[in-house]
């Protein structure tokens, strides 16, 4: 999904002639930390609530605060993860979207980014999750897939992160089934370090079921 697809048309834009008081009221009304400032449809920068609150006179025009503007934005035709990175890096709840000519296209809210990030990661899909730690040199997506598929499962999503200090790779696998005990056991049999997993434990259920059958038999 591209950034232009996530633009929230309800987010207002400030003009250089707008006052500090008006800008603060809009920030409160729309529950955002920043607002984009636009001049003749060109993106000028982001103005934060913190910088607005520092002003003594609410009648001060936004134009006089340009030294405080944060000039950060994303292009309209890039993947939305670029907007996620921008929001995190600059700690803003609004990410401006522009084109190559610096025309202001619109803005994306952090709430919309979070929603789409959840969909992107498969948070709305039912299935088991397995987390494995390994050295980057040990990572083989073909072997991971083979182990999963050998247990009659499929990978819905696969994400990797590398720890900045020790360089350990953390692999998170989202599967299409909740009963993942056999998959976990297979990974461990191949000496993978499974640090966490979530799903139904079919083995435990079978043991409990067999135990109940045995107790019923002994009662007879």
N, C-alpha and C. Protein backbone atom coordinates (compact mmCIF):
# COMPACT_ATOMS: atom_id res chain seq x y z
N UNK A 1 0.83 -1.19 0.00
CA UNK A 1 0.00 0.00 0.00
C UNK A 1 0.87 1.25 0.00
N UNK A 2 0.50 2.22 -0.81
CA UNK A 2 1.27 3.45 -0.92
C UNK A 2 0.74 4.52 0.05
N UNK A 3 1.59 5.49 0.32
CA UNK A 3 1.21 6.54 1.27
C UNK A 3 -0.03 7.32 0.81
N UNK A 4 -0.15 7.53 -0.47
CA UNK A 4 -1.30 8.30 -0.97
C UNK A 4 -2.62 7.60 -0.66
N UNK A 5 -2.58 6.28 -0.48
CA UNK A 5 -3.80 5.52 -0.19
C UNK A 5 -4.27 5.69 1.25
N UNK A 6 -3.42 6.23 2.12
CA UNK A 6 -3.74 6.34 3.54
C UNK A 6 -4.02 7.77 3.98
N UNK A 7 -4.09 8.69 3.05
CA UNK A 7 -4.29 10.09 3.41
C UNK A 7 -5.63 10.29 4.12
N UNK A 8 -5.56 10.98 5.26
CA UNK A 8 -6.75 11.30 6.03
C UNK A 8 -7.21 12.72 5.65
N UNK A 9 -8.32 12.82 4.96
CA UNK A 9 -8.78 14.10 4.44
C UNK A 9 -9.33 15.03 5.52
N UNK A 10 -9.50 14.50 6.73
CA UNK A 10 -10.05 15.32 7.81
C UNK A 10 -9.00 16.19 8.51
N UNK A 11 -7.72 15.85 8.33
CA UNK A 11 -6.67 16.61 9.02
C UNK A 11 -6.50 17.98 8.37
N UNK A 12 -6.63 19.05 9.14
CA UNK A 12 -6.54 20.40 8.56
C UNK A 12 -5.09 20.79 8.30
N UNK A 13 -4.92 21.82 7.51
CA UNK A 13 -3.60 22.39 7.24
C UNK A 13 -3.60 23.84 7.72
N UNK A 14 -2.45 24.29 8.16
CA UNK A 14 -2.31 25.67 8.60
C UNK A 14 -1.76 26.54 7.47
N UNK A 15 -2.18 27.80 7.47
CA UNK A 15 -1.59 28.80 6.59
C UNK A 15 -0.64 29.67 7.40
N UNK A 16 0.29 30.30 6.73
CA UNK A 16 1.26 31.14 7.43
C UNK A 16 0.58 32.29 8.16
N UNK A 17 -0.58 32.70 7.69
CA UNK A 17 -1.27 33.83 8.30
C UNK A 17 -2.13 33.41 9.51
N UNK A 18 -2.30 32.12 9.72
CA UNK A 18 -3.10 31.66 10.86
C UNK A 18 -2.41 32.01 12.17
N UNK A 19 -3.19 32.19 13.21
CA UNK A 19 -2.62 32.58 14.50
C UNK A 19 -2.27 31.35 15.34
N UNK A 20 -1.46 31.58 16.34
CA UNK A 20 -1.08 30.53 17.28
C UNK A 20 -2.32 29.97 17.97
N UNK A 21 -3.25 30.87 18.33
CA UNK A 21 -4.48 30.44 18.99
C UNK A 21 -5.30 29.49 18.14
N UNK A 22 -5.44 29.81 16.85
CA UNK A 22 -6.19 28.94 15.95
C UNK A 22 -5.50 27.59 15.80
N UNK A 23 -4.17 27.62 15.68
CA UNK A 23 -3.41 26.37 15.52
C UNK A 23 -3.57 25.48 16.75
N UNK A 24 -3.50 26.07 17.94
CA UNK A 24 -3.66 25.29 19.17
C UNK A 24 -5.06 24.68 19.26
N UNK A 25 -6.06 25.43 18.87
CA UNK A 25 -7.43 24.92 18.92
C UNK A 25 -7.61 23.75 17.97
N UNK A 26 -7.02 23.83 16.79
CA UNK A 26 -7.11 22.72 15.83
C UNK A 26 -6.39 21.48 16.35
N UNK A 27 -5.26 21.68 16.99
CA UNK A 27 -4.51 20.55 17.54
C UNK A 27 -5.32 19.85 18.62
N UNK A 28 -6.00 20.64 19.45
CA UNK A 28 -6.85 20.06 20.49
C UNK A 28 -8.06 19.35 19.87
N UNK A 29 -8.69 19.99 18.90
CA UNK A 29 -9.89 19.43 18.28
C UNK A 29 -9.60 18.11 17.57
N UNK A 30 -8.46 18.03 16.90
CA UNK A 30 -8.15 16.83 16.11
C UNK A 30 -7.23 15.86 16.82
N UNK A 31 -6.85 16.18 18.07
CA UNK A 31 -6.05 15.28 18.91
C UNK A 31 -4.77 14.82 18.20
N UNK A 32 -4.00 15.79 17.73
CA UNK A 32 -2.72 15.50 17.07
C UNK A 32 -1.61 16.28 17.77
N UNK A 33 -0.38 15.91 17.50
CA UNK A 33 0.77 16.59 18.12
C UNK A 33 1.36 17.67 17.22
N UNK A 34 1.11 17.57 15.92
CA UNK A 34 1.64 18.51 14.93
C UNK A 34 0.57 18.81 13.88
N UNK A 35 0.76 19.90 13.18
CA UNK A 35 -0.07 20.20 12.02
C UNK A 35 0.82 20.69 10.88
N UNK A 36 0.49 20.30 9.64
CA UNK A 36 1.27 20.76 8.49
C UNK A 36 0.96 22.22 8.17
N UNK A 37 1.98 22.95 7.75
CA UNK A 37 1.82 24.34 7.33
C UNK A 37 2.04 24.40 5.83
N UNK A 38 1.11 25.07 5.13
CA UNK A 38 1.14 25.10 3.67
C UNK A 38 1.04 26.55 3.20
N UNK A 39 1.83 26.88 2.18
CA UNK A 39 1.77 28.21 1.56
C UNK A 39 1.65 28.03 0.05
N UNK A 40 0.56 28.51 -0.51
CA UNK A 40 0.28 28.36 -1.95
C UNK A 40 0.41 26.90 -2.38
N UNK A 41 -0.16 26.04 -1.56
CA UNK A 41 -0.19 24.59 -1.77
C UNK A 41 1.18 23.92 -1.71
N UNK A 42 2.20 24.65 -1.28
CA UNK A 42 3.52 24.07 -1.08
C UNK A 42 3.71 23.77 0.40
N UNK A 43 4.27 22.60 0.68
CA UNK A 43 4.50 22.22 2.07
C UNK A 43 5.65 23.03 2.64
N UNK A 44 5.39 23.68 3.78
CA UNK A 44 6.40 24.53 4.42
C UNK A 44 7.06 23.83 5.59
N UNK A 45 6.28 23.03 6.34
CA UNK A 45 6.85 22.31 7.47
C UNK A 45 5.78 21.90 8.45
N UNK A 46 6.20 21.18 9.50
CA UNK A 46 5.31 20.76 10.57
C UNK A 46 5.50 21.67 11.77
N UNK A 47 4.41 22.05 12.39
CA UNK A 47 4.48 22.89 13.59
C UNK A 47 3.93 22.08 14.76
N UNK A 48 4.68 22.02 15.85
CA UNK A 48 4.30 21.18 16.99
C UNK A 48 3.49 21.95 18.02
N UNK A 49 2.72 21.21 18.78
CA UNK A 49 1.95 21.79 19.88
C UNK A 49 2.89 22.40 20.92
N UNK A 50 4.02 21.75 21.15
CA UNK A 50 4.98 22.25 22.13
C UNK A 50 5.48 23.64 21.76
N UNK A 51 5.82 23.86 20.49
CA UNK A 51 6.30 25.17 20.06
C UNK A 51 5.19 26.22 20.14
N UNK A 52 3.98 25.82 19.89
CA UNK A 52 2.86 26.75 19.98
C UNK A 52 2.60 27.18 21.41
N UNK A 53 2.71 26.23 22.33
CA UNK A 53 2.48 26.53 23.74
C UNK A 53 3.55 27.45 24.33
N UNK A 54 4.70 27.49 23.68
CA UNK A 54 5.79 28.36 24.15
C UNK A 54 5.54 29.84 23.84
N UNK A 55 4.54 30.11 23.01
CA UNK A 55 4.27 31.49 22.60
C UNK A 55 3.36 32.19 23.62
N UNK A 56 3.73 33.42 23.96
CA UNK A 56 2.97 34.19 24.94
C UNK A 56 1.70 34.81 24.35
N UNK A 57 1.76 35.18 23.09
CA UNK A 57 0.64 35.86 22.44
C UNK A 57 -0.03 34.93 21.44
N UNK A 58 -1.29 34.56 21.69
CA UNK A 58 -2.00 33.64 20.80
C UNK A 58 -2.34 34.29 19.46
N UNK A 59 -2.16 35.61 19.37
CA UNK A 59 -2.44 36.29 18.11
C UNK A 59 -1.23 36.31 17.18
N UNK A 60 -0.11 35.75 17.65
CA UNK A 60 1.10 35.69 16.83
C UNK A 60 0.85 34.84 15.59
N UNK A 61 1.17 35.33 14.41
CA UNK A 61 0.98 34.51 13.20
C UNK A 61 1.98 33.36 13.13
N UNK A 62 1.52 32.27 12.59
CA UNK A 62 2.35 31.08 12.44
C UNK A 62 3.62 31.39 11.65
N UNK A 63 3.54 32.34 10.75
CA UNK A 63 4.67 32.70 9.89
C UNK A 63 5.92 33.06 10.69
N UNK A 64 5.74 33.63 11.88
CA UNK A 64 6.87 34.05 12.70
C UNK A 64 7.55 32.88 13.42
N UNK A 65 6.99 31.69 13.30
CA UNK A 65 7.55 30.52 13.97
C UNK A 65 8.26 29.58 13.01
N UNK A 66 8.58 30.04 11.81
CA UNK A 66 9.15 29.15 10.79
C UNK A 66 10.47 28.51 11.23
N UNK A 67 11.21 29.18 12.09
CA UNK A 67 12.48 28.60 12.56
C UNK A 67 12.24 27.32 13.38
N UNK A 68 11.00 27.16 13.87
CA UNK A 68 10.67 25.98 14.67
C UNK A 68 10.04 24.86 13.84
N UNK A 69 9.79 25.12 12.56
CA UNK A 69 9.15 24.10 11.73
C UNK A 69 10.06 22.88 11.57
N UNK A 70 9.44 21.73 11.55
CA UNK A 70 10.15 20.49 11.24
C UNK A 70 9.83 20.12 9.80
N UNK A 71 10.85 20.11 8.97
CA UNK A 71 10.61 19.83 7.56
C UNK A 71 10.82 18.35 7.30
N UNK A 72 9.77 17.60 7.55
CA UNK A 72 9.80 16.16 7.29
C UNK A 72 8.51 15.76 6.60
N UNK A 73 8.62 14.86 5.65
CA UNK A 73 7.46 14.43 4.87
C UNK A 73 7.82 13.15 4.13
N UNK A 74 6.85 12.57 3.47
CA UNK A 74 7.09 11.39 2.62
C UNK A 74 6.46 11.65 1.26
N UNK A 75 7.04 11.01 0.26
CA UNK A 75 6.49 11.12 -1.10
C UNK A 75 5.17 10.35 -1.20
N UNK A 76 4.33 10.76 -2.12
CA UNK A 76 3.00 10.17 -2.24
C UNK A 76 3.01 8.78 -2.86
N UNK A 77 4.13 8.40 -3.50
CA UNK A 77 4.17 7.15 -4.24
C UNK A 77 5.14 6.13 -3.65
N UNK A 78 5.37 6.20 -2.34
CA UNK A 78 6.26 5.24 -1.69
C UNK A 78 5.44 4.35 -0.75
N UNK A 79 6.04 3.23 -0.33
CA UNK A 79 5.34 2.30 0.55
C UNK A 79 5.03 2.96 1.89
N UNK A 80 3.91 2.59 2.48
CA UNK A 80 3.47 3.27 3.70
C UNK A 80 4.41 3.05 4.88
N UNK A 81 5.29 2.04 4.82
CA UNK A 81 6.25 1.83 5.90
C UNK A 81 7.22 3.01 6.02
N UNK A 82 7.41 3.75 4.93
CA UNK A 82 8.21 4.97 5.00
C UNK A 82 7.55 6.00 5.92
N UNK A 83 6.23 6.07 5.88
CA UNK A 83 5.50 6.97 6.76
C UNK A 83 5.57 6.50 8.20
N UNK A 84 5.55 5.20 8.41
CA UNK A 84 5.70 4.66 9.77
C UNK A 84 7.05 5.06 10.34
N UNK A 85 8.10 4.91 9.55
CA UNK A 85 9.44 5.29 9.99
C UNK A 85 9.52 6.78 10.29
N UNK A 86 8.90 7.59 9.46
CA UNK A 86 8.90 9.04 9.65
C UNK A 86 8.20 9.41 10.95
N UNK A 87 7.06 8.79 11.22
CA UNK A 87 6.30 9.06 12.44
C UNK A 87 7.11 8.70 13.68
N UNK A 88 7.82 7.57 13.63
CA UNK A 88 8.63 7.14 14.76
C UNK A 88 9.85 8.04 14.94
N UNK A 89 10.53 8.31 13.85
CA UNK A 89 11.77 9.09 13.92
C UNK A 89 11.55 10.50 14.44
N UNK A 90 10.45 11.14 14.02
CA UNK A 90 10.19 12.53 14.41
C UNK A 90 9.12 12.66 15.49
N UNK A 91 8.66 11.51 16.00
CA UNK A 91 7.70 11.49 17.10
C UNK A 91 6.51 12.39 16.82
N UNK A 92 5.86 12.17 15.71
CA UNK A 92 4.72 12.97 15.31
C UNK A 92 3.52 12.08 15.01
N UNK A 93 2.33 12.58 15.32
CA UNK A 93 1.11 11.83 15.05
C UNK A 93 0.54 12.14 13.67
N UNK A 94 1.22 13.02 12.93
CA UNK A 94 0.80 13.38 11.58
C UNK A 94 2.01 13.34 10.65
N UNK A 95 1.88 12.69 9.52
CA UNK A 95 2.95 12.61 8.53
C UNK A 95 2.48 13.27 7.23
N UNK A 96 3.11 14.39 6.82
CA UNK A 96 2.72 15.05 5.57
C UNK A 96 3.10 14.22 4.34
N UNK A 97 2.27 14.28 3.33
CA UNK A 97 2.52 13.58 2.07
C UNK A 97 2.63 14.62 0.96
N UNK A 98 3.71 14.56 0.20
CA UNK A 98 3.95 15.55 -0.86
C UNK A 98 4.33 14.83 -2.15
N UNK A 99 4.43 15.61 -3.24
CA UNK A 99 4.94 15.06 -4.49
C UNK A 99 6.33 15.65 -4.77
N UNK A 100 6.88 15.33 -5.92
CA UNK A 100 8.24 15.76 -6.23
C UNK A 100 8.36 17.28 -6.33
N UNK A 101 7.26 17.95 -6.61
CA UNK A 101 7.27 19.41 -6.71
C UNK A 101 7.03 20.08 -5.36
N UNK A 102 7.00 19.28 -4.29
CA UNK A 102 6.74 19.76 -2.93
C UNK A 102 5.31 20.27 -2.75
N UNK A 103 4.41 19.86 -3.63
CA UNK A 103 3.00 20.18 -3.44
C UNK A 103 2.45 19.33 -2.29
N UNK A 104 1.69 19.94 -1.43
CA UNK A 104 1.11 19.22 -0.29
C UNK A 104 -0.09 18.41 -0.78
N UNK A 105 -0.02 17.09 -0.62
CA UNK A 105 -1.09 16.20 -1.06
C UNK A 105 -2.08 15.94 0.07
N UNK A 106 -1.57 15.80 1.28
CA UNK A 106 -2.42 15.50 2.44
C UNK A 106 -1.57 15.00 3.59
N UNK A 107 -2.23 14.42 4.57
CA UNK A 107 -1.51 13.93 5.75
C UNK A 107 -2.04 12.57 6.18
N UNK A 108 -1.17 11.79 6.80
CA UNK A 108 -1.53 10.48 7.35
C UNK A 108 -1.41 10.56 8.86
N UNK A 109 -2.38 10.02 9.58
CA UNK A 109 -2.31 10.02 11.04
C UNK A 109 -1.64 8.74 11.54
N UNK A 110 -1.08 8.82 12.72
CA UNK A 110 -0.42 7.64 13.32
C UNK A 110 -1.44 6.55 13.60
N UNK A 111 -2.69 6.95 13.87
CA UNK A 111 -3.74 5.95 14.11
C UNK A 111 -3.98 5.12 12.85
N UNK A 112 -4.04 5.79 11.69
CA UNK A 112 -4.23 5.07 10.43
C UNK A 112 -3.02 4.19 10.12
N UNK A 113 -1.84 4.69 10.46
CA UNK A 113 -0.63 3.90 10.24
C UNK A 113 -0.63 2.65 11.10
N UNK A 114 -1.04 2.80 12.36
CA UNK A 114 -1.08 1.64 13.26
C UNK A 114 -2.06 0.60 12.78
N UNK A 115 -3.23 1.06 12.32
CA UNK A 115 -4.24 0.14 11.81
C UNK A 115 -3.73 -0.65 10.62
N UNK A 116 -3.10 0.04 9.68
CA UNK A 116 -2.60 -0.64 8.49
C UNK A 116 -1.36 -1.47 8.77
N UNK A 117 -0.59 -1.04 9.76
CA UNK A 117 0.56 -1.85 10.16
C UNK A 117 0.10 -3.17 10.76
N UNK A 118 -1.00 -3.11 11.53
CA UNK A 118 -1.56 -4.33 12.08
C UNK A 118 -2.05 -5.27 10.99
N UNK A 119 -2.72 -4.71 9.99
CA UNK A 119 -3.19 -5.53 8.86
C UNK A 119 -2.01 -6.10 8.09
N UNK A 120 -0.96 -5.29 7.95
CA UNK A 120 0.23 -5.71 7.22
C UNK A 120 0.92 -6.88 7.92
N UNK A 121 0.89 -6.85 9.26
CA UNK A 121 1.54 -7.91 10.05
C UNK A 121 0.63 -9.10 10.29
N UNK A 122 -0.61 -9.01 9.79
CA UNK A 122 -1.52 -10.14 9.95
C UNK A 122 -2.13 -10.25 11.32
N UNK A 123 -2.24 -9.13 12.05
CA UNK A 123 -2.77 -9.16 13.41
C UNK A 123 -4.24 -9.57 13.44
N UNK A 124 -4.94 -9.39 12.31
CA UNK A 124 -6.36 -9.73 12.27
C UNK A 124 -6.61 -11.16 11.81
N UNK A 125 -5.55 -11.92 11.56
CA UNK A 125 -5.70 -13.28 11.07
C UNK A 125 -5.46 -14.27 12.21
N UNK A 126 -6.29 -15.31 12.25
CA UNK A 126 -6.17 -16.32 13.29
C UNK A 126 -5.05 -17.29 12.95
N UNK A 127 -4.21 -17.59 13.93
CA UNK A 127 -3.12 -18.54 13.70
C UNK A 127 -2.14 -18.54 14.83
N UNK A 128 -1.20 -19.46 14.77
CA UNK A 128 -0.17 -19.56 15.80
C UNK A 128 1.03 -18.69 15.48
N UNK A 129 1.81 -18.41 16.52
CA UNK A 129 3.01 -17.59 16.38
C UNK A 129 4.18 -18.32 17.01
N UNK A 130 5.29 -18.35 16.30
CA UNK A 130 6.53 -18.95 16.81
C UNK A 130 7.65 -17.94 16.68
N UNK A 131 8.41 -17.75 17.75
CA UNK A 131 9.54 -16.83 17.75
C UNK A 131 10.82 -17.64 17.95
N UNK A 132 11.78 -17.44 17.04
CA UNK A 132 13.04 -18.19 17.07
C UNK A 132 14.20 -17.21 17.05
N UNK A 133 15.24 -17.51 17.82
CA UNK A 133 16.47 -16.70 17.80
C UNK A 133 17.60 -17.51 17.19
N UNK A 134 18.44 -16.84 16.40
CA UNK A 134 19.55 -17.51 15.73
C UNK A 134 20.57 -16.49 15.27
N UNK A 135 21.71 -16.97 14.83
CA UNK A 135 22.67 -16.09 14.18
C UNK A 135 22.18 -15.80 12.76
N UNK A 136 22.44 -14.60 12.26
CA UNK A 136 21.99 -14.28 10.89
C UNK A 136 22.47 -15.29 9.85
N UNK A 137 23.67 -15.84 10.07
CA UNK A 137 24.23 -16.80 9.11
C UNK A 137 23.47 -18.12 9.10
N UNK A 138 22.67 -18.37 10.15
CA UNK A 138 21.92 -19.62 10.23
C UNK A 138 20.55 -19.52 9.57
N UNK A 139 20.16 -18.33 9.20
CA UNK A 139 18.81 -18.14 8.66
C UNK A 139 18.71 -18.67 7.24
N UNK A 140 17.77 -19.57 7.04
CA UNK A 140 17.50 -20.14 5.72
C UNK A 140 15.98 -20.20 5.54
N UNK A 141 15.46 -19.32 4.73
CA UNK A 141 14.01 -19.28 4.55
C UNK A 141 13.48 -20.55 3.91
N UNK A 142 14.30 -21.18 3.08
CA UNK A 142 13.85 -22.43 2.44
C UNK A 142 13.69 -23.53 3.47
N UNK A 143 14.61 -23.63 4.43
CA UNK A 143 14.50 -24.66 5.46
C UNK A 143 13.35 -24.35 6.41
N UNK A 144 13.19 -23.07 6.76
CA UNK A 144 12.07 -22.68 7.61
C UNK A 144 10.75 -23.08 6.96
N UNK A 145 10.60 -22.77 5.70
CA UNK A 145 9.37 -23.10 4.97
C UNK A 145 9.17 -24.61 4.91
N UNK A 146 10.26 -25.34 4.69
CA UNK A 146 10.14 -26.79 4.58
C UNK A 146 9.66 -27.41 5.90
N UNK A 147 10.19 -26.91 7.02
CA UNK A 147 9.80 -27.43 8.33
C UNK A 147 8.32 -27.15 8.59
N UNK A 148 7.90 -25.93 8.27
CA UNK A 148 6.50 -25.56 8.50
C UNK A 148 5.58 -26.40 7.61
N UNK A 149 5.91 -26.49 6.33
CA UNK A 149 5.05 -27.21 5.39
C UNK A 149 5.04 -28.71 5.65
N UNK A 150 6.12 -29.25 6.23
CA UNK A 150 6.15 -30.68 6.55
C UNK A 150 5.16 -31.04 7.64
N UNK A 151 4.69 -30.03 8.36
CA UNK A 151 3.68 -30.24 9.40
C UNK A 151 2.30 -29.78 8.95
N UNK A 152 2.12 -29.72 7.65
CA UNK A 152 0.84 -29.37 7.05
C UNK A 152 0.37 -27.98 7.49
N UNK A 153 1.31 -27.03 7.55
CA UNK A 153 1.00 -25.64 7.88
C UNK A 153 1.54 -24.73 6.79
N UNK A 154 1.11 -23.50 6.81
CA UNK A 154 1.62 -22.49 5.87
C UNK A 154 2.02 -21.24 6.64
N UNK A 155 2.99 -20.52 6.10
CA UNK A 155 3.43 -19.26 6.71
C UNK A 155 2.56 -18.13 6.18
N UNK A 156 1.89 -17.43 7.09
CA UNK A 156 1.10 -16.27 6.71
C UNK A 156 1.98 -15.03 6.63
N UNK A 157 2.84 -14.86 7.64
CA UNK A 157 3.75 -13.72 7.69
C UNK A 157 5.04 -14.15 8.36
N UNK A 158 6.13 -13.53 7.92
CA UNK A 158 7.44 -13.81 8.50
C UNK A 158 8.20 -12.50 8.64
N UNK A 159 8.63 -12.19 9.86
CA UNK A 159 9.35 -10.95 10.11
C UNK A 159 10.67 -11.24 10.82
N UNK A 160 11.68 -10.45 10.51
CA UNK A 160 12.98 -10.61 11.16
C UNK A 160 13.44 -9.28 11.73
N UNK A 161 14.10 -9.35 12.89
CA UNK A 161 14.76 -8.18 13.48
C UNK A 161 16.11 -8.62 14.00
N UNK A 162 17.06 -7.72 13.98
CA UNK A 162 18.42 -8.02 14.47
C UNK A 162 18.71 -7.15 15.68
N UNK A 163 19.13 -7.79 16.76
CA UNK A 163 19.44 -7.06 17.98
C UNK A 163 20.66 -6.18 17.74
N UNK A 164 20.58 -4.88 18.07
CA UNK A 164 21.68 -3.95 17.75
C UNK A 164 22.98 -4.20 18.51
N UNK A 165 22.89 -4.92 19.64
CA UNK A 165 24.10 -5.14 20.46
C UNK A 165 24.79 -6.46 20.13
N UNK A 166 24.06 -7.57 20.25
CA UNK A 166 24.69 -8.87 20.04
C UNK A 166 24.51 -9.42 18.62
N UNK A 167 23.71 -8.74 17.78
CA UNK A 167 23.55 -9.17 16.40
C UNK A 167 22.69 -10.41 16.21
N UNK A 168 22.02 -10.86 17.27
CA UNK A 168 21.16 -12.03 17.17
C UNK A 168 19.91 -11.70 16.35
N UNK A 169 19.57 -12.60 15.45
CA UNK A 169 18.39 -12.42 14.61
C UNK A 169 17.18 -13.07 15.28
N UNK A 170 16.11 -12.30 15.41
CA UNK A 170 14.85 -12.82 15.96
C UNK A 170 13.87 -13.00 14.80
N UNK A 171 13.40 -14.21 14.66
CA UNK A 171 12.49 -14.57 13.58
C UNK A 171 11.10 -14.82 14.15
N UNK A 172 10.12 -14.08 13.67
CA UNK A 172 8.74 -14.28 14.10
C UNK A 172 7.93 -14.85 12.94
N UNK A 173 7.35 -16.01 13.18
CA UNK A 173 6.60 -16.71 12.15
C UNK A 173 5.13 -16.78 12.55
N UNK A 174 4.27 -16.29 11.68
CA UNK A 174 2.83 -16.36 11.90
C UNK A 174 2.27 -17.44 10.99
N UNK A 175 1.68 -18.46 11.61
CA UNK A 175 1.18 -19.62 10.87
C UNK A 175 -0.32 -19.57 10.68
N UNK A 176 -0.82 -20.39 9.77
CA UNK A 176 -2.25 -20.39 9.46
C UNK A 176 -3.05 -21.29 10.38
N UNK A 177 -2.39 -21.95 11.33
CA UNK A 177 -3.08 -22.84 12.26
C UNK A 177 -2.68 -22.50 13.69
N UNK A 178 -3.61 -22.76 14.61
CA UNK A 178 -3.32 -22.53 16.02
C UNK A 178 -2.63 -23.74 16.67
N UNK A 179 -2.90 -24.92 16.14
CA UNK A 179 -2.29 -26.13 16.70
C UNK A 179 -0.88 -26.27 16.14
N UNK A 180 0.09 -25.78 16.90
CA UNK A 180 1.45 -25.67 16.38
C UNK A 180 2.46 -26.49 17.17
N UNK A 181 1.98 -27.35 18.06
CA UNK A 181 2.91 -28.13 18.89
C UNK A 181 3.86 -28.97 18.05
N UNK A 182 3.36 -29.57 16.98
CA UNK A 182 4.21 -30.41 16.14
C UNK A 182 5.25 -29.56 15.40
N UNK A 183 4.85 -28.35 15.01
CA UNK A 183 5.79 -27.46 14.33
C UNK A 183 6.90 -27.05 15.28
N UNK A 184 6.53 -26.68 16.51
CA UNK A 184 7.52 -26.29 17.52
C UNK A 184 8.48 -27.45 17.78
N UNK A 185 7.93 -28.64 17.92
CA UNK A 185 8.75 -29.83 18.20
C UNK A 185 9.73 -30.09 17.05
N UNK A 186 9.28 -29.88 15.83
CA UNK A 186 10.17 -30.10 14.68
C UNK A 186 11.30 -29.08 14.65
N UNK A 187 10.99 -27.82 14.92
CA UNK A 187 12.04 -26.80 14.98
C UNK A 187 13.07 -27.15 16.06
N UNK A 188 12.60 -27.58 17.20
CA UNK A 188 13.52 -27.94 18.29
C UNK A 188 14.34 -29.18 17.94
N UNK A 189 13.73 -30.09 17.19
CA UNK A 189 14.47 -31.29 16.77
C UNK A 189 15.60 -30.92 15.82
N UNK A 190 15.43 -29.84 15.08
CA UNK A 190 16.48 -29.35 14.19
C UNK A 190 17.37 -28.31 14.88
N UNK A 191 17.33 -28.31 16.21
CA UNK A 191 18.20 -27.46 17.05
C UNK A 191 17.95 -25.97 16.88
N UNK A 192 16.73 -25.59 16.55
CA UNK A 192 16.38 -24.17 16.53
C UNK A 192 16.02 -23.73 17.95
N UNK A 193 16.42 -22.54 18.30
CA UNK A 193 16.15 -22.00 19.63
C UNK A 193 14.80 -21.28 19.64
N UNK A 194 13.75 -22.03 19.97
CA UNK A 194 12.40 -21.47 20.04
C UNK A 194 12.24 -20.77 21.38
N UNK A 195 12.12 -19.45 21.35
CA UNK A 195 12.05 -18.67 22.59
C UNK A 195 10.62 -18.39 23.04
N UNK A 196 9.67 -18.49 22.11
CA UNK A 196 8.28 -18.20 22.46
C UNK A 196 7.39 -18.78 21.38
N UNK A 197 6.22 -19.25 21.80
CA UNK A 197 5.22 -19.66 20.83
C UNK A 197 3.84 -19.51 21.44
N UNK A 198 2.87 -19.26 20.57
CA UNK A 198 1.50 -19.07 21.01
C UNK A 198 0.59 -19.84 20.08
N UNK A 199 -0.28 -20.66 20.68
CA UNK A 199 -1.23 -21.45 19.90
C UNK A 199 -1.78 -22.56 20.77
N UNK A 200 -2.70 -23.33 20.22
CA UNK A 200 -3.26 -24.45 20.96
C UNK A 200 -2.27 -25.59 21.03
N UNK A 201 -2.18 -26.19 22.18
CA UNK A 201 -1.26 -27.31 22.37
C UNK A 201 -2.00 -28.63 22.15
N UNK A 202 -1.95 -29.12 20.94
CA UNK A 202 -2.68 -30.34 20.61
C UNK A 202 -2.15 -31.53 21.41
N UNK A 203 -0.83 -31.57 21.62
CA UNK A 203 -0.26 -32.67 22.38
C UNK A 203 -0.86 -32.71 23.79
N UNK A 204 -0.92 -31.54 24.45
CA UNK A 204 -1.46 -31.48 25.80
C UNK A 204 -2.92 -31.89 25.82
N UNK A 205 -3.65 -31.46 24.80
CA UNK A 205 -5.06 -31.82 24.73
C UNK A 205 -5.24 -33.32 24.57
N UNK A 206 -4.39 -33.94 23.76
CA UNK A 206 -4.47 -35.37 23.55
C UNK A 206 -4.11 -36.13 24.82
N UNK A 207 -3.10 -35.65 25.55
CA UNK A 207 -2.69 -36.29 26.80
C UNK A 207 -3.82 -36.23 27.82
N UNK A 208 -4.42 -35.03 27.93
CA UNK A 208 -5.52 -34.87 28.88
C UNK A 208 -6.69 -35.78 28.50
N UNK A 209 -6.96 -35.85 27.19
CA UNK A 209 -8.06 -36.69 26.73
C UNK A 209 -7.79 -38.16 27.04
N UNK A 210 -6.56 -38.59 26.77
CA UNK A 210 -6.21 -39.99 27.05
C UNK A 210 -6.27 -40.28 28.54
N UNK A 211 -5.86 -39.31 29.35
CA UNK A 211 -5.90 -39.47 30.80
C UNK A 211 -7.35 -39.64 31.28
N UNK A 212 -8.25 -38.84 30.74
CA UNK A 212 -9.65 -38.95 31.12
C UNK A 212 -10.23 -40.30 30.72
N UNK A 213 -9.86 -40.77 29.52
CA UNK A 213 -10.33 -42.08 29.08
C UNK A 213 -9.84 -43.18 30.01
N UNK A 214 -8.59 -43.05 30.46
CA UNK A 214 -8.01 -44.05 31.36
C UNK A 214 -8.73 -44.05 32.70
N UNK A 215 -9.00 -42.82 33.23
CA UNK A 215 -9.71 -42.73 34.50
C UNK A 215 -11.10 -43.31 34.39
N UNK A 216 -11.78 -43.05 33.29
CA UNK A 216 -13.11 -43.60 33.09
C UNK A 216 -13.07 -45.13 33.02
N UNK A 217 -12.02 -45.62 32.37
CA UNK A 217 -11.87 -47.08 32.25
C UNK A 217 -11.64 -47.72 33.62
N UNK A 218 -10.79 -47.07 34.44
CA UNK A 218 -10.50 -47.62 35.78
C UNK A 218 -11.71 -47.55 36.68
N UNK A 219 -12.57 -46.55 36.47
CA UNK A 219 -13.78 -46.45 37.26
C UNK A 219 -14.73 -47.60 36.98
N UNK A 220 -14.67 -48.06 35.73
CA UNK A 220 -15.51 -49.20 35.35
C UNK A 220 -15.07 -50.45 36.12
